[in-house]
PDB file of N, CA and C in Angstrom:
ATOM      1  N   UNK A   1      -1.515   9.129   8.678  1.00  0.00           N
ATOM      2  CA  UNK A   1      -2.346   9.872   9.589  1.00  0.00           C
ATOM      3  C   UNK A   1      -3.600  10.071   7.880  1.00  0.00           C
ATOM      4  N   UNK A   2      -3.322   9.534   6.917  1.00  0.00           N
ATOM      5  CA  UNK A   2      -4.820   9.412   6.079  1.00  0.00           C
ATOM      6  C   UNK A   2      -6.103   8.320   6.500  1.00  0.00           C
ATOM      7  N   UNK A   3      -6.213   7.688   7.496  1.00  0.00           N
ATOM      8  CA  UNK A   3      -6.453   6.567   8.199  1.00  0.00           C
ATOM      9  C   UNK A   3      -7.018   7.532   9.393  1.00  0.00           C
ATOM     10  N   UNK A   4      -6.654   8.220  10.263  1.00  0.00           N
ATOM     11  CA  UNK A   4      -6.716   8.682  11.267  1.00  0.00           C
ATOM     12  C   UNK A   4      -6.382   7.251  12.022  1.00  0.00           C
ATOM     13  N   UNK A   5      -5.199   7.086  12.060  1.00  0.00           N
ATOM     14  CA  UNK A   5      -5.292   5.222  12.420  1.00  0.00           C
ATOM     15  C   UNK A   5      -3.832   5.667  13.698  1.00  0.00           C
ATOM     16  N   UNK A   6      -3.216   4.333  13.913  1.00  0.00           N
ATOM     17  CA  UNK A   6      -2.377   4.286  15.109  1.00  0.00           C
ATOM     18  C   UNK A   6      -1.405   3.576  14.585  1.00  0.00           C
ATOM     19  N   UNK A   7      -0.311   3.258  14.089  1.00  0.00           N
ATOM     20  CA  UNK A   7       0.992   2.581  14.153  1.00  0.00           C
ATOM     21  C   UNK A   7       1.380   1.564  14.594  1.00  0.00           C
ATOM     22  N   UNK A   8       0.964   0.681  14.253  1.00  0.00           N
ATOM     23  CA  UNK A   8       1.346  -0.559  15.033  1.00  0.00           C
ATOM     24  C   UNK A   8       2.976  -0.747  15.202  1.00  0.00           C
ATOM     25  N   UNK A   9       3.152  -1.859  16.112  1.00  0.00           N
ATOM     26  CA  UNK A   9       4.694  -1.969  17.272  1.00  0.00           C
ATOM     27  C   UNK A   9       5.519  -2.393  15.973  1.00  0.00           C
ATOM     28  N   UNK A  10       6.892  -2.341  16.040  1.00  0.00           N
ATOM     29  CA  UNK A  10       7.616  -2.843  15.033  1.00  0.00           C
ATOM     30  C   UNK A  10       7.724  -4.203  14.367  1.00  0.00           C
ATOM     31  N   UNK A  11       6.972  -4.806  15.811  1.00  0.00           N
ATOM     32  CA  UNK A  11       6.937  -6.326  15.908  1.00  0.00           C
ATOM     33  C   UNK A  11       5.980  -6.907  15.390  1.00  0.00           C
ATOM     34  N   UNK A  12       4.917  -6.109  15.114  1.00  0.00           N
ATOM     35  CA  UNK A  12       3.458  -6.813  14.613  1.00  0.00           C
ATOM     36  C   UNK A  12       3.938  -7.094  12.977  1.00  0.00           C
ATOM     37  N   UNK A  13       3.507  -8.021  12.618  1.00  0.00           N
ATOM     38  CA  UNK A  13       3.648  -8.880  11.605  1.00  0.00           C
ATOM     39  C   UNK A  13       3.390  -8.840  10.096  1.00  0.00           C
ATOM     40  N   UNK A  14       1.826  -8.699  10.701  1.00  0.00           N
ATOM     41  CA  UNK A  14       0.773  -8.019   9.218  1.00  0.00           C
ATOM     42  C   UNK A  14       0.101  -7.408   8.916  1.00  0.00           C
ATOM     43  N   UNK A  15       0.298  -6.379   9.379  1.00  0.00           N
ATOM     44  CA  UNK A  15      -0.749  -4.953   9.586  1.00  0.00           C
ATOM     45  C   UNK A  15       0.437  -3.910   9.486  1.00  0.00           C
ATOM     46  N   UNK A  16       0.630  -2.491   9.572  1.00  0.00           N
ATOM     47  CA  UNK A  16       0.970  -1.493   9.810  1.00  0.00           C
ATOM     48  C   UNK A  16       0.745  -0.062  10.513  1.00  0.00           C
ATOM     49  N   UNK A  17      -1.357   0.001  10.412  1.00  0.00           N
ATOM     50  CA  UNK A  17      -1.732   0.772  11.129  1.00  0.00           C
ATOM     51  C   UNK A  17      -3.285   0.507  11.247  1.00  0.00           C
ATOM     52  N   UNK A  18      -3.790   0.799  12.345  1.00  0.00           N
ATOM     53  CA  UNK A  18      -5.245   0.393  12.689  1.00  0.00           C
ATOM     54  C   UNK A  18      -5.933   1.741  12.796  1.00  0.00           C
ATOM     55  N   UNK A  19      -6.151   1.935  11.728  1.00  0.00           N
ATOM     56  CA  UNK A  19      -7.774   2.937  10.992  1.00  0.00           C
ATOM     57  C   UNK A  19      -8.456   2.852  12.042  1.00  0.00           C
ATOM     58  N   UNK A  20      -8.838   3.726  11.790  1.00  0.00           N
ATOM     59  CA  UNK A  20     -10.209   4.857  13.136  1.00  0.00           C
ATOM     60  C   UNK A  20     -10.930   4.002  12.625  1.00  0.00           C
ATOM     61  N   UNK A  21     -11.208   3.055  11.761  1.00  0.00           N
ATOM     62  CA  UNK A  21     -12.587   2.818  12.136  1.00  0.00           C
ATOM     63  C   UNK A  21     -11.925   0.758  12.483  1.00  0.00           C
ATOM     64  N   UNK A  22     -11.071   0.564  12.689  1.00  0.00           N
ATOM     65  CA  UNK A  22     -11.003  -0.650  13.608  1.00  0.00           C
ATOM     66  C   UNK A  22     -10.163  -1.779  12.650  1.00  0.00           C
ATOM     67  N   UNK A  23      -9.869  -0.784  11.157  1.00  0.00           N
ATOM     68  CA  UNK A  23      -9.525  -2.026  10.094  1.00  0.00           C
ATOM     69  C   UNK A  23      -7.483  -1.929   9.928  1.00  0.00           C
ATOM     70  N   UNK A  24      -7.609  -2.989   9.923  1.00  0.00           N
ATOM     71  CA  UNK A  24      -5.513  -3.093  10.147  1.00  0.00           C
ATOM     72  C   UNK A  24      -5.206  -3.220   8.570  1.00  0.00           C
ATOM     73  N   UNK A  25      -4.487  -1.919   8.627  1.00  0.00           N
ATOM     74  CA  UNK A  25      -4.155  -1.946   6.923  1.00  0.00           C
ATOM     75  C   UNK A  25      -2.724  -2.288   7.207  1.00  0.00           C
ATOM     76  N   UNK A  26      -1.895  -3.187   5.930  1.00  0.00           N
ATOM     77  CA  UNK A  26      -0.730  -3.356   5.360  1.00  0.00           C
ATOM     78  C   UNK A  26      -0.802  -2.665   4.443  1.00  0.00           C
ATOM     79  N   UNK A  27       0.444  -1.226   4.382  1.00  0.00           N
ATOM     80  CA  UNK A  27       0.637  -0.604   3.470  1.00  0.00           C
ATOM     81  C   UNK A  27       2.363  -0.932   3.332  1.00  0.00           C
ATOM     82  N   UNK A  28       1.958  -0.441   1.567  1.00  0.00           N
ATOM     83  CA  UNK A  28       3.600  -0.279   0.700  1.00  0.00           C
ATOM     84  C   UNK A  28       3.404   0.675  -0.253  1.00  0.00           C
ATOM     85  N   UNK A  29       4.815   1.087  -0.003  1.00  0.00           N
ATOM     86  CA  UNK A  29       4.898   2.395  -0.988  1.00  0.00           C
ATOM     87  C   UNK A  29       6.024   1.701  -1.970  1.00  0.00           C
ATOM     88  N   UNK A  30       5.945   2.548  -2.866  1.00  0.00           N
ATOM     89  CA  UNK A  30       7.694   2.778  -3.465  1.00  0.00           C
ATOM     90  C   UNK A  30       8.005   3.748  -4.478  1.00  0.00           C
ATOM     91  N   UNK A  31       8.861   3.843  -4.838  1.00  0.00           N
ATOM     92  CA  UNK A  31       8.980   5.276  -5.716  1.00  0.00           C
ATOM     93  C   UNK A  31       8.986   4.789  -7.223  1.00  0.00           C
ATOM     94  N   UNK A  32       8.708   6.114  -8.118  1.00  0.00           N
ATOM     95  CA  UNK A  32       8.503   5.251  -9.039  1.00  0.00           C
ATOM     96  C   UNK A  32       8.786   6.432  -9.776  1.00  0.00           C
ATOM     97  N   UNK A  33       9.476   6.318 -11.238  1.00  0.00           N
ATOM     98  CA  UNK A  33       9.399   7.434 -11.997  1.00  0.00           C
ATOM     99  C   UNK A  33       9.314   7.101 -13.897  1.00  0.00           C
ATOM    100  N   UNK A  34      10.003   8.252 -14.808  1.00  0.00           N
ATOM    101  CA  UNK A  34      10.025   7.639 -15.510  1.00  0.00           C
ATOM    102  C   UNK A  34      10.859   6.810 -15.949  1.00  0.00           C
ATOM    103  N   UNK A  35      11.921   6.010 -15.712  1.00  0.00           N
ATOM    104  CA  UNK A  35      12.629   5.560 -15.809  1.00  0.00           C
ATOM    105  C   UNK A  35      12.077   3.707 -14.819  1.00  0.00           C
ATOM    106  N   UNK A  36      10.815   4.043 -14.489  1.00  0.00           N
ATOM    107  CA  UNK A  36      10.497   2.719 -13.551  1.00  0.00           C
ATOM    108  C   UNK A  36      10.211   1.786 -13.586  1.00  0.00           C
ATOM    109  N   UNK A  37      10.994   0.431 -14.231  1.00  0.00           N
ATOM    110  CA  UNK A  37      10.535  -1.144 -15.657  1.00  0.00           C
ATOM    111  C   UNK A  37       9.234  -1.565 -14.696  1.00  0.00           C
ATOM    112  N   UNK A  38       8.496  -2.044 -15.616  1.00  0.00           N
ATOM    113  CA  UNK A  38       7.415  -3.485 -15.334  1.00  0.00           C
ATOM    114  C   UNK A  38       8.161  -4.139 -14.204  1.00  0.00           C
ATOM    115  N   UNK A  39       9.208  -4.585 -14.024  1.00  0.00           N
ATOM    116  CA  UNK A  39       9.410  -5.743 -12.958  1.00  0.00           C
ATOM    117  C   UNK A  39       9.669  -5.437 -11.335  1.00  0.00           C
ATOM    118  N   UNK A  40       9.751  -3.729 -11.257  1.00  0.00           N
ATOM    119  CA  UNK A  40       9.473  -2.871  -9.628  1.00  0.00           C
ATOM    120  C   UNK A  40       8.680  -3.621  -9.029  1.00  0.00           C
ATOM    121  N   UNK A  41       8.616  -4.245  -7.684  1.00  0.00           N
ATOM    122  CA  UNK A  41       7.796  -4.527  -6.801  1.00  0.00           C
ATOM    123  C   UNK A  41       7.844  -3.520  -5.568  1.00  0.00           C
ATOM    124  N   UNK A  42       7.135  -4.220  -4.743  1.00  0.00           N
ATOM    125  CA  UNK A  42       6.296  -3.283  -3.664  1.00  0.00           C
ATOM    126  C   UNK A  42       7.350  -4.246  -2.827  1.00  0.00           C
ATOM    127  N   UNK A  43       7.676  -4.334  -1.713  1.00  0.00           N
ATOM    128  CA  UNK A  43       8.020  -5.311  -0.465  1.00  0.00           C
ATOM    129  C   UNK A  43       7.536  -6.185  -0.108  1.00  0.00           C
ATOM    130  N   UNK A  44       8.238  -7.405  -0.528  1.00  0.00           N
ATOM    131  CA  UNK A  44       7.195  -8.541   0.449  1.00  0.00           C
ATOM    132  C   UNK A  44       5.974  -9.014   1.424  1.00  0.00           C
ATOM    133  N   UNK A  45       5.201  -9.565   0.705  1.00  0.00           N
ATOM    134  CA  UNK A  45       4.241 -10.184   1.486  1.00  0.00           C
ATOM    135  C   UNK A  45       4.603 -11.513   2.132  1.00  0.00           C
ATOM    136  N   UNK A  46       4.593 -11.340   3.683  1.00  0.00           N
ATOM    137  CA  UNK A  46       4.647 -13.191   4.117  1.00  0.00           C
ATOM    138  C   UNK A  46       3.474 -13.246   5.124  1.00  0.00           C
ATOM    139  N   UNK A  47       2.657 -12.111   5.161  1.00  0.00           N
ATOM    140  CA  UNK A  47       1.853 -12.788   5.848  1.00  0.00           C
ATOM    141  C   UNK A  47       0.481 -11.531   5.526  1.00  0.00           C
ATOM    142  N   UNK A  48      -0.722 -12.060   5.107  1.00  0.00           N
ATOM    143  CA  UNK A  48      -2.427 -11.601   4.534  1.00  0.00           C
ATOM    144  C   UNK A  48      -3.428 -11.581   5.711  1.00  0.00           C
ATOM    145  N   UNK A  49      -2.832 -11.608   7.173  1.00  0.00           N
ATOM    146  CA  UNK A  49      -3.897 -11.701   8.378  1.00  0.00           C
ATOM    147  C   UNK A  49      -4.461  -9.961   8.361  1.00  0.00           C
ATOM    148  N   UNK A  50      -4.769  -9.222   7.619  1.00  0.00           N
ATOM    149  CA  UNK A  50      -5.131  -7.965   7.899  1.00  0.00           C
ATOM    150  C   UNK A  50      -6.279  -7.229   6.966  1.00  0.00           C
ATOM    151  N   UNK A  51      -6.818  -6.208   7.061  1.00  0.00           N
ATOM    152  CA  UNK A  51      -8.427  -6.284   6.378  1.00  0.00           C
ATOM    153  C   UNK A  51      -8.634  -5.333   5.066  1.00  0.00           C
ATOM    154  N   UNK A  52      -6.882  -4.834   4.828  1.00  0.00           N
ATOM    155  CA  UNK A  52      -6.840  -4.194   3.465  1.00  0.00           C
ATOM    156  C   UNK A  52      -5.247  -3.840   3.244  1.00  0.00           C
ATOM    157  N   UNK A  53      -4.811  -3.521   2.303  1.00  0.00           N
ATOM    158  CA  UNK A  53      -4.016  -3.375   1.828  1.00  0.00           C
ATOM    159  C   UNK A  53      -3.395  -2.081   1.226  1.00  0.00           C
ATOM    160  N   UNK A  54      -2.369  -0.990   1.264  1.00  0.00           N
ATOM    161  CA  UNK A  54      -3.141   0.424   0.608  1.00  0.00           C
ATOM    162  C   UNK A  54      -1.567   0.301   0.124  1.00  0.00           C
ATOM    163  N   UNK A  55      -1.602   0.276  -1.184  1.00  0.00           N
ATOM    164  CA  UNK A  55      -0.527   0.547  -2.258  1.00  0.00           C
ATOM    165  C   UNK A  55      -0.265   1.640  -2.872  1.00  0.00           C
ATOM    166  N   UNK A  56       0.731   2.561  -2.482  1.00  0.00           N
ATOM    167  CA  UNK A  56       1.289   3.748  -2.485  1.00  0.00           C
ATOM    168  C   UNK A  56       2.525   3.887  -3.904  1.00  0.00           C
ATOM    169  N   UNK A  57       2.313   5.018  -4.761  1.00  0.00           N
ATOM    170  CA  UNK A  57       3.264   5.170  -6.021  1.00  0.00           C
ATOM    171  C   UNK A  57       3.503   6.999  -5.554  1.00  0.00           C
ATOM    172  N   UNK A  58       5.295   6.592  -5.080  1.00  0.00           N
ATOM    173  CA  UNK A  58       5.572   8.017  -5.089  1.00  0.00           C
ATOM    174  C   UNK A  58       6.333   8.566  -6.359  1.00  0.00           C
ATOM    175  N   UNK A  59       6.353   9.442  -6.537  1.00  0.00           N
ATOM    176  CA  UNK A  59       7.438  10.465  -7.497  1.00  0.00           C
ATOM    177  C   UNK A  59       8.362  10.621  -6.627  1.00  0.00           C
ATOM    178  N   UNK A  60       9.608  10.026  -7.820  1.00  0.00           N
ATOM    179  CA  UNK A  60      10.999   9.281  -6.987  1.00  0.00           C
ATOM    180  C   UNK A  60      11.676  11.038  -7.239  1.00  0.00           C
ATOM    181  N   UNK A  61      11.288  11.679  -7.992  1.00  0.00           N
ATOM    182  CA  UNK A  61      11.748  12.633  -7.525  1.00  0.00           C
ATOM    183  C   UNK A  61      11.297  14.135  -6.703  1.00  0.00           C
ATOM    184  N   UNK A  62       9.702  14.217  -6.668  1.00  0.00           N
ATOM    185  CA  UNK A  62       8.959  15.261  -5.919  1.00  0.00           C
ATOM    186  C   UNK A  62       8.167  14.946  -4.442  1.00  0.00           C
ATOM    187  N   UNK A  63       8.478  12.686  -4.413  1.00  0.00           N
ATOM    188  CA  UNK A  63       7.973  12.208  -3.834  1.00  0.00           C
ATOM    189  C   UNK A  63       6.117  12.862  -3.103  1.00  0.00           C
ATOM    190  N   UNK A  64       5.491  13.506  -4.325  1.00  0.00           N
ATOM    191  CA  UNK A  64       4.178  13.574  -4.509  1.00  0.00           C
ATOM    192  C   UNK A  64       3.501  12.250  -4.667  1.00  0.00           C
ATOM    193  N   UNK A  65       2.435  12.069  -4.382  1.00  0.00           N
ATOM    194  CA  UNK A  65       1.748  11.221  -4.328  1.00  0.00           C
ATOM    195  C   UNK A  65       1.057  10.914  -6.241  1.00  0.00           C
ATOM    196  N   UNK A  66       1.863   9.233  -6.538  1.00  0.00           N
ATOM    197  CA  UNK A  66       1.420   9.301  -8.080  1.00  0.00           C
ATOM    198  C   UNK A  66      -0.161   8.399  -7.152  1.00  0.00           C
ATOM    199  N   UNK A  67      -0.557   7.773  -6.861  1.00  0.00           N
ATOM    200  CA  UNK A  67      -1.148   7.193  -6.684  1.00  0.00           C
ATOM    201  C   UNK A  67      -1.524   6.323  -5.499  1.00  0.00           C
ATOM    202  N   UNK A  68      -2.941   6.154  -5.322  1.00  0.00           N
ATOM    203  CA  UNK A  68      -2.867   5.446  -4.465  1.00  0.00           C
ATOM    204  C   UNK A  68      -4.421   4.157  -3.896  1.00  0.00           C
ATOM    205  N   UNK A  69      -4.185   2.881  -3.850  1.00  0.00           N
ATOM    206  CA  UNK A  69      -4.924   2.260  -3.946  1.00  0.00           C
ATOM    207  C   UNK A  69      -5.592   1.444  -2.392  1.00  0.00           C
ATOM    208  N   UNK A  70      -6.897   1.122  -2.305  1.00  0.00           N
ATOM    209  CA  UNK A  70      -6.889  -0.116  -0.424  1.00  0.00           C
ATOM    210  C   UNK A  70      -7.796  -0.892  -1.435  1.00  0.00           C
ATOM    211  N   UNK A  71      -6.472  -1.829  -1.103  1.00  0.00           N
ATOM    212  CA  UNK A  71      -6.923  -3.361  -2.130  1.00  0.00           C
ATOM    213  C   UNK A  71      -7.071  -4.139  -0.775  1.00  0.00           C
ATOM    214  N   UNK A  72      -8.126  -5.334  -1.339  1.00  0.00           N
ATOM    215  CA  UNK A  72      -8.785  -6.033  -0.366  1.00  0.00           C
ATOM    216  C   UNK A  72      -7.541  -7.390  -0.215  1.00  0.00           C
ATOM    217  N   UNK A  73      -7.498  -8.234   0.857  1.00  0.00           N
ATOM    218  CA  UNK A  73      -6.271  -9.030   0.892  1.00  0.00           C
ATOM    219  C   UNK A  73      -6.270  -9.625  -0.281  1.00  0.00           C
ATOM    220  N   UNK A  74      -8.204 -10.670  -0.492  1.00  0.00           N
ATOM    221  CA  UNK A  74      -8.016 -11.281  -0.633  1.00  0.00           C
ATOM    222  C   UNK A  74      -7.513 -11.158  -3.019  1.00  0.00           C
ATOM    223  N   UNK A  75      -7.669 -10.184  -3.266  1.00  0.00           N
ATOM    224  CA  UNK A  75      -7.526  -9.162  -4.014  1.00  0.00           C
ATOM    225  C   UNK A  75      -5.749  -8.609  -4.525  1.00  0.00           C
ATOM    226  N   UNK A  76      -5.272  -8.314  -3.632  1.00  0.00           N
ATOM    227  CA  UNK A  76      -3.933  -8.346  -3.391  1.00  0.00           C
ATOM    228  C   UNK A  76      -3.269  -9.660  -3.822  1.00  0.00           C
ATOM    229  N   UNK A  77      -3.741 -10.618  -2.954  1.00  0.00           N
ATOM    230  CA  UNK A  77      -2.759 -12.272  -3.481  1.00  0.00           C
ATOM    231  C   UNK A  77      -3.276 -13.262  -4.576  1.00  0.00           C
ATOM    232  N   UNK A  78      -4.438 -12.134  -5.043  1.00  0.00           N
ATOM    233  CA  UNK A  78      -4.436 -12.712  -6.754  1.00  0.00           C
ATOM    234  C   UNK A  78      -3.615 -11.821  -7.532  1.00  0.00           C
ATOM    235  N   UNK A  79      -3.410 -11.093  -7.211  1.00  0.00           N
ATOM    236  CA  UNK A  79      -2.184 -10.135  -7.820  1.00  0.00           C
ATOM    237  C   UNK A  79      -0.863 -10.506  -7.981  1.00  0.00           C
ATOM    238  N   UNK A  80       0.049 -11.566  -6.611  1.00  0.00           N
ATOM    239  CA  UNK A  80       0.631 -11.786  -6.056  1.00  0.00           C
ATOM    240  C   UNK A  80       1.217 -12.661  -6.998  1.00  0.00           C
ATOM    241  N   UNK A  81       2.812 -12.920  -7.402  1.00  0.00           N
ATOM    242  CA  UNK A  81       3.431 -13.940  -7.405  1.00  0.00           C
ATOM    243  C   UNK A  81       4.684 -14.203  -6.171  1.00  0.00           C
ATOM    244  N   UNK A  82       3.700 -16.111  -5.942  1.00  0.00           N
ATOM    245  CA  UNK A  82       5.588 -16.181  -4.665  1.00  0.00           C
ATOM    246  C   UNK A  82       6.812 -16.545  -5.466  1.00  0.00           C
ATOM    247  N   UNK A  83       7.622 -16.272  -4.192  1.00  0.00           N
ATOM    248  CA  UNK A  83       9.626 -15.845  -4.514  1.00  0.00           C
ATOM    249  C   UNK A  83       9.829 -16.619  -3.427  1.00  0.00           C
ATOM    250  N   UNK A  84      10.542 -18.081  -4.328  1.00  0.00           N
ATOM    251  CA  UNK A  84      11.076 -18.622  -3.336  1.00  0.00           C
ATOM    252  C   UNK A  84      12.018 -18.116  -2.337  1.00  0.00           C
ATOM    253  N   UNK A  85      12.733 -17.462  -3.179  1.00  0.00           N
ATOM    254  CA  UNK A  85      14.012 -16.684  -2.740  1.00  0.00           C
ATOM    255  C   UNK A  85      13.640 -15.584  -2.282  1.00  0.00           C
ATOM    256  N   UNK A  86      12.669 -14.759  -1.688  1.00  0.00           N
ATOM    257  CA  UNK A  86      11.885 -14.357  -0.459  1.00  0.00           C
ATOM    258  C   UNK A  86      11.406 -15.007   0.223  1.00  0.00           C
ATOM    259  N   UNK A  87      10.653 -15.953   0.624  1.00  0.00           N
ATOM    260  CA  UNK A  87      10.024 -16.279   0.566  1.00  0.00           C
ATOM    261  C   UNK A  87       8.722 -15.902   1.769  1.00  0.00           C
ATOM    262  N   UNK A  88       8.213 -15.287   0.167  1.00  0.00           N
ATOM    263  CA  UNK A  88       7.435 -14.911   0.592  1.00  0.00           C
ATOM    264  C   UNK A  88       6.347 -14.430  -1.171  1.00  0.00           C
ATOM    265  N   UNK A  89       5.226 -13.775  -1.328  1.00  0.00           N
ATOM    266  CA  UNK A  89       4.615 -13.047  -2.236  1.00  0.00           C
ATOM    267  C   UNK A  89       4.638 -11.497  -2.522  1.00  0.00           C
ATOM    268  N   UNK A  90       4.945 -11.117  -4.037  1.00  0.00           N
ATOM    269  CA  UNK A  90       5.504 -10.542  -4.315  1.00  0.00           C
ATOM    270  C   UNK A  90       3.906  -9.716  -5.371  1.00  0.00           C
ATOM    271  N   UNK A  91       4.353  -7.905  -5.553  1.00  0.00           N
ATOM    272  CA  UNK A  91       3.372  -7.014  -6.002  1.00  0.00           C
ATOM    273  C   UNK A  91       4.072  -6.700  -7.248  1.00  0.00           C
ATOM    274  N   UNK A  92       3.735  -6.379  -8.026  1.00  0.00           N
ATOM    275  CA  UNK A  92       3.922  -5.923  -9.149  1.00  0.00           C
ATOM    276  C   UNK A  92       4.032  -4.413  -8.978  1.00  0.00           C
ATOM    277  N   UNK A  93       4.868  -3.548  -9.195  1.00  0.00           N
ATOM    278  CA  UNK A  93       4.583  -1.971  -9.223  1.00  0.00           C
ATOM    279  C   UNK A  93       3.316  -1.378 -10.076  1.00  0.00           C
ATOM    280  N   UNK A  94       3.552  -2.394 -11.141  1.00  0.00           N
ATOM    281  CA  UNK A  94       2.322  -1.593 -12.455  1.00  0.00           C
ATOM    282  C   UNK A  94       1.450  -2.333 -12.491  1.00  0.00           C
ATOM    283  N   UNK A  95       1.258  -3.133 -11.714  1.00  0.00           N
ATOM    284  CA  UNK A  95       0.327  -4.428 -11.583  1.00  0.00           C
ATOM    285  C   UNK A  95      -1.105  -3.431 -11.710  1.00  0.00           C
ATOM    286  N   UNK A  96      -2.189  -3.608 -12.361  1.00  0.00           N
ATOM    287  CA  UNK A  96      -3.528  -3.369 -12.459  1.00  0.00           C
ATOM    288  C   UNK A  96      -4.634  -3.000 -11.938  1.00  0.00           C
ATOM    289  N   UNK A  97      -5.199  -2.339 -10.499  1.00  0.00           N
ATOM    290  CA  UNK A  97      -6.406  -3.137  -9.631  1.00  0.00           C
ATOM    291  C   UNK A  97      -7.466  -2.499 -10.283  1.00  0.00           C
ATOM    292  N   UNK A  98      -7.702  -1.706 -11.130  1.00  0.00           N
ATOM    293  CA  UNK A  98      -8.595  -0.401 -11.584  1.00  0.00           C
ATOM    294  C   UNK A  98     -10.145  -1.708 -11.936  1.00  0.00           C
ATOM    295  N   UNK A  99     -10.626  -1.391 -11.423  1.00  0.00           N
ATOM    296  CA  UNK A  99     -12.004  -2.488 -11.471  1.00  0.00           C
ATOM    297  C   UNK A  99     -12.199  -3.556 -10.631  1.00  0.00           C
ATOM    298  N   UNK A 100     -11.489  -3.987 -10.372  1.00  0.00           N
ATOM    299  CA  UNK A 100     -11.167  -5.144  -9.108  1.00  0.00           C
ATOM    300  C   UNK A 100     -11.922  -5.190  -8.121  1.00  0.00           C
ATOM    301  N   UNK A 101     -12.665  -6.268  -7.542  1.00  0.00           N
ATOM    302  CA  UNK A 101     -13.727  -5.891  -6.688  1.00  0.00           C
ATOM    303  C   UNK A 101     -13.335  -5.785  -5.074  1.00  0.00           C
ATOM    304  N   UNK A 102     -13.859  -4.755  -4.707  1.00  0.00           N
ATOM    305  CA  UNK A 102     -13.557  -4.125  -3.644  1.00  0.00           C
ATOM    306  C   UNK A 102     -12.566  -3.004  -3.203  1.00  0.00           C
ATOM    307  N   UNK A 103     -11.524  -2.375  -4.647  1.00  0.00           N
ATOM    308  CA  UNK A 103     -10.287  -1.918  -4.717  1.00  0.00           C
ATOM    309  C   UNK A 103     -10.850  -0.721  -4.841  1.00  0.00           C
ATOM    310  N   UNK A 104     -10.597   0.511  -3.756  1.00  0.00           N
ATOM    311  CA  UNK A 104     -10.912   2.023  -3.858  1.00  0.00           C
ATOM    312  C   UNK A 104      -9.875   2.629  -4.492  1.00  0.00           C
ATOM    313  N   UNK A 105      -9.252   3.763  -5.082  1.00  0.00           N
ATOM    314  CA  UNK A 105      -8.727   4.586  -5.307  1.00  0.00           C
ATOM    315  C   UNK A 105      -8.553   5.343  -4.338  1.00  0.00           C
ATOM    316  N   UNK A 106      -7.482   5.969  -3.655  1.00  0.00           N
ATOM    317  CA  UNK A 106      -7.394   6.185  -2.050  1.00  0.00           C
ATOM    318  C   UNK A 106      -6.316   7.649  -2.249  1.00  0.00           C
ATOM    319  N   UNK A 107      -5.774   7.937  -3.862  1.00  0.00           N
ATOM    320  CA  UNK A 107      -5.287   8.719  -4.036  1.00  0.00           C
ATOM    321  C   UNK A 107      -5.760  10.331  -3.161  1.00  0.00           C
ATOM    322  N   UNK A 108      -6.460  10.842  -3.803  1.00  0.00           N
ATOM    323  CA  UNK A 108      -6.755  12.463  -2.789  1.00  0.00           C
ATOM    324  C   UNK A 108      -6.569  12.283  -1.415  1.00  0.00           C
ATOM    325  N   UNK A 109      -7.248  10.766  -1.538  1.00  0.00           N
ATOM    326  CA  UNK A 109      -7.313  11.192   0.845  1.00  0.00           C
ATOM    327  C   UNK A 109      -5.934  10.853   1.107  1.00  0.00           C
ATOM    328  N   UNK A 110      -4.688   9.899   0.383  1.00  0.00           N
ATOM    329  CA  UNK A 110      -3.487  10.106   0.315  1.00  0.00           C
ATOM    330  C   UNK A 110      -3.063  11.084   0.089  1.00  0.00           C
ATOM    331  N   UNK A 111      -3.006  12.063  -0.501  1.00  0.00           N
ATOM    332  CA  UNK A 111      -2.924  13.183  -1.449  1.00  0.00           C
ATOM    333  C   UNK A 111      -2.787  14.111   0.416  1.00  0.00           C
ATOM    334  N   UNK A 112      -4.217  14.418   0.559  1.00  0.00           N
ATOM    335  CA  UNK A 112      -4.716  15.449   0.718  1.00  0.00           C
ATOM    336  C   UNK A 112      -3.686  15.255   2.603  1.00  0.00           C
ATOM    337  N   UNK A 113      -3.403  13.557   3.088  1.00  0.00           N
ATOM    338  CA  UNK A 113      -3.051  13.806   4.237  1.00  0.00           C
ATOM    339  C   UNK A 113      -0.923  14.463   4.032  1.00  0.00           C
ATOM    340  N   UNK A 114      -1.242  13.871   2.932  1.00  0.00           N
ATOM    341  CA  UNK A 114       0.759  14.545   3.085  1.00  0.00           C
ATOM    342  C   UNK A 114       0.518  16.100   3.061  1.00  0.00           C
ATOM    343  N   UNK A 115      -0.301  16.630   1.824  1.00  0.00           N
ATOM    344  CA  UNK A 115      -0.592  17.932   1.804  1.00  0.00           C
ATOM    345  C   UNK A 115      -0.560  18.621   3.380  1.00  0.00           C
ATOM    346  N   UNK A 116      -1.534  18.088   3.948  1.00  0.00           N
ATOM    347  CA  UNK A 116      -2.339  18.874   5.638  1.00  0.00           C
ATOM    348  C   UNK A 116      -1.501  18.100   6.975  1.00  0.00           C
ATOM    349  N   UNK A 117      -0.636  17.152   6.517  1.00  0.00           N
ATOM    350  CA  UNK A 117       0.280  16.277   7.694  1.00  0.00           C
ATOM    351  C   UNK A 117       0.416  17.474   9.032  1.00  0.00           C
ATOM    352  N   UNK A 118       0.313  19.100   9.207  1.00  0.00           N
ATOM    353  CA  UNK A 118       0.893  19.658  10.065  1.00  0.00           C
ATOM    354  C   UNK A 118      -0.510  19.486  10.497  1.00  0.00           C
ATOM    355  N   UNK A 119      -1.489  19.795   9.934  1.00  0.00           N
ATOM    356  CA  UNK A 119      -3.170  19.940  10.809  1.00  0.00           C
ATOM    357  C   UNK A 119      -3.676  19.590  11.010  1.00  0.00           C
ATOM    358  N   UNK A 120      -2.835  17.622  10.527  1.00  0.00           N
ATOM    359  CA  UNK A 120      -3.753  16.769  10.901  1.00  0.00           C
ATOM    360  C   UNK A 120      -3.050  16.402  12.270  1.00  0.00           C
ATOM    361  N   UNK A 121      -1.623  17.125  12.861  1.00  0.00           N
ATOM    362  CA  UNK A 121      -1.064  16.133  13.726  1.00  0.00           C
ATOM    363  C   UNK A 121      -1.577  16.561  15.461  1.00  0.00           C
TER     364      UNK A 121
END
């Protein structure tokens, strides 16, 4: 809803949302709380064939949006670590993307979409 896009089919391997502007977005989210450790990770990346990834942190108690950033694939990949065990790349939840090239804070946009979910449908 935040991107006024359409969801990809379940079989799409590289992206989750086709945004209104035509970009293919990979979306990853995690619950975080007071006891969230630095080792917590987003789900694994097995493909980098998307235009941007949107990393969303949700409060574990309330499901409120804590933060959301839109990250270019090359920047996300530079922060990811390869894991042979899961045969993919992982990004830690506490990774700092602030000030990196092309990174956009979309927290307000995602919060607004969540708060106005009924109006956006």
